[in-house]
């Protein structure tokens, strides 16, 4: 999603690309300061945001816990 690379949807704090951009930046900035996310967590977070984007749903946070099962990709 190119929109994530541009910081998300302008003026829409609950848009999936906006939240995904902020979540990935926060994860990169806090690396080493607290427990690092595993690759499965990044995958889960990205797929969760992608599915919400494809379904045109607003979200309030990124769900990334891989222990609860993997999200299916919405086509």
C-alpha atoms as a PDB file:
ATOM      1  CA  UNK A   1       0.000   0.000   0.000  1.00  0.00           C
ATOM      2  CA  UNK A   2       1.667   3.196  -1.128  1.00  0.00           C
ATOM      3  CA  UNK A   3      -0.636   5.207   1.107  1.00  0.00           C
ATOM      4  CA  UNK A   4       1.107   3.757   4.191  1.00  0.00           C
ATOM      5  CA  UNK A   5       4.475   4.973   2.923  1.00  0.00           C
ATOM      6  CA  UNK A   6       2.999   8.483   2.664  1.00  0.00           C
ATOM      7  CA  UNK A   7       1.841   8.504   6.291  1.00  0.00           C
ATOM      8  CA  UNK A   8      -1.685   7.230   5.784  1.00  0.00           C
ATOM      9  CA  UNK A   9      -4.923   8.948   4.902  1.00  0.00           C
ATOM     10  CA  UNK A  10      -4.804  12.678   5.509  1.00  0.00           C
ATOM     11  CA  UNK A  11      -7.213  13.902   8.231  1.00  0.00           C
ATOM     12  CA  UNK A  12      -8.412  10.352   9.051  1.00  0.00           C
ATOM     13  CA  UNK A  13      -6.816   9.015  12.225  1.00  0.00           C
ATOM     14  CA  UNK A  14      -8.877   5.797  12.160  1.00  0.00           C
ATOM     15  CA  UNK A  15      -8.024   4.829   8.588  1.00  0.00           C
ATOM     16  CA  UNK A  16      -6.138   1.508   8.452  1.00  0.00           C
ATOM     17  CA  UNK A  17      -3.179   2.944   6.471  1.00  0.00           C
ATOM     18  CA  UNK A  18      -2.772   5.775   8.983  1.00  0.00           C
ATOM     19  CA  UNK A  19      -2.799   3.443  11.980  1.00  0.00           C
ATOM     20  CA  UNK A  20      -0.491   0.944  10.266  1.00  0.00           C
ATOM     21  CA  UNK A  21       2.006   3.710   9.453  1.00  0.00           C
ATOM     22  CA  UNK A  22       2.008   4.953  13.062  1.00  0.00           C
ATOM     23  CA  UNK A  23       2.259   1.384  14.440  1.00  0.00           C
ATOM     24  CA  UNK A  24       5.230   0.486  12.235  1.00  0.00           C
ATOM     25  CA  UNK A  25       7.012   3.761  13.077  1.00  0.00           C
ATOM     26  CA  UNK A  26       6.453   3.220  16.813  1.00  0.00           C
ATOM     27  CA  UNK A  27       7.756  -0.346  16.558  1.00  0.00           C
ATOM     28  CA  UNK A  28      10.907   0.877  14.779  1.00  0.00           C
ATOM     29  CA  UNK A  29      11.496   3.708  17.272  1.00  0.00           C
ATOM     30  CA  UNK A  30      11.126   1.533  20.372  1.00  0.00           C
ATOM     31  CA  UNK A  31      13.264  -1.318  19.060  1.00  0.00           C
ATOM     32  CA  UNK A  32      15.634  -2.342  21.823  1.00  0.00           C
ATOM     33  CA  UNK A  33      13.762  -0.412  24.539  1.00  0.00           C
ATOM     34  CA  UNK A  34      11.164  -3.124  25.136  1.00  0.00           C
ATOM     35  CA  UNK A  35      10.323  -6.556  23.834  1.00  0.00           C
ATOM     36  CA  UNK A  36      10.715  -6.665  20.105  1.00  0.00           C
ATOM     37  CA  UNK A  37       7.947  -7.929  17.905  1.00  0.00           C
ATOM     38  CA  UNK A  38       8.475 -11.192  16.124  1.00  0.00           C
ATOM     39  CA  UNK A  39       7.995 -11.475  12.338  1.00  0.00           C
ATOM     40  CA  UNK A  40       4.608 -13.145  12.882  1.00  0.00           C
ATOM     41  CA  UNK A  41       3.430 -10.109  14.841  1.00  0.00           C
ATOM     42  CA  UNK A  42       4.373  -7.761  12.005  1.00  0.00           C
ATOM     43  CA  UNK A  43       2.601 -10.067   9.546  1.00  0.00           C
ATOM     44  CA  UNK A  44      -0.533 -10.159  11.693  1.00  0.00           C
ATOM     45  CA  UNK A  45      -0.622  -6.388  12.101  1.00  0.00           C
ATOM     46  CA  UNK A  46      -0.177  -5.752   8.392  1.00  0.00           C
ATOM     47  CA  UNK A  47      -2.786  -8.323   7.376  1.00  0.00           C
ATOM     48  CA  UNK A  48      -5.242  -6.938   9.946  1.00  0.00           C
ATOM     49  CA  UNK A  49      -4.814  -3.424   8.517  1.00  0.00           C
ATOM     50  CA  UNK A  50      -4.992  -4.710   4.922  1.00  0.00           C
ATOM     51  CA  UNK A  51      -8.263  -6.549   5.596  1.00  0.00           C
ATOM     52  CA  UNK A  52      -9.787  -3.466   7.221  1.00  0.00           C
ATOM     53  CA  UNK A  53      -8.648  -1.331   4.286  1.00  0.00           C
ATOM     54  CA  UNK A  54     -10.145  -3.739   1.732  1.00  0.00           C
ATOM     55  CA  UNK A  55     -13.432  -3.826   3.663  1.00  0.00           C
ATOM     56  CA  UNK A  56     -13.440   0.000   4.070  1.00  0.00           C
ATOM     57  CA  UNK A  57     -13.605  -0.300   7.872  1.00  0.00           C
ATOM     58  CA  UNK A  58     -12.258   2.218  10.352  1.00  0.00           C
ATOM     59  CA  UNK A  59     -10.142   0.713  13.127  1.00  0.00           C
ATOM     60  CA  UNK A  60      -8.893   2.077  16.426  1.00  0.00           C
ATOM     61  CA  UNK A  61      -5.784  -0.070  16.840  1.00  0.00           C
ATOM     62  CA  UNK A  62      -3.683  -2.704  15.097  1.00  0.00           C
ATOM     63  CA  UNK A  63      -4.285  -6.265  16.302  1.00  0.00           C
ATOM     64  CA  UNK A  64      -1.061  -8.208  15.998  1.00  0.00           C
ATOM     65  CA  UNK A  65      -1.118 -11.096  18.483  1.00  0.00           C
ATOM     66  CA  UNK A  66      -0.078 -14.171  16.455  1.00  0.00           C
ATOM     67  CA  UNK A  67      -0.818 -16.541  19.361  1.00  0.00           C
ATOM     68  CA  UNK A  68      -4.552 -16.167  18.765  1.00  0.00           C
ATOM     69  CA  UNK A  69      -4.357 -17.561  15.233  1.00  0.00           C
ATOM     70  CA  UNK A  70      -3.453 -16.005  11.929  1.00  0.00           C
ATOM     71  CA  UNK A  71      -5.700 -13.589  10.051  1.00  0.00           C
ATOM     72  CA  UNK A  72      -6.827 -14.704   6.600  1.00  0.00           C
ATOM     73  CA  UNK A  73      -6.056 -12.311   3.757  1.00  0.00           C
ATOM     74  CA  UNK A  74      -9.117 -10.594   2.281  1.00  0.00           C
ATOM     75  CA  UNK A  75      -8.993 -10.530  -1.498  1.00  0.00           C
END
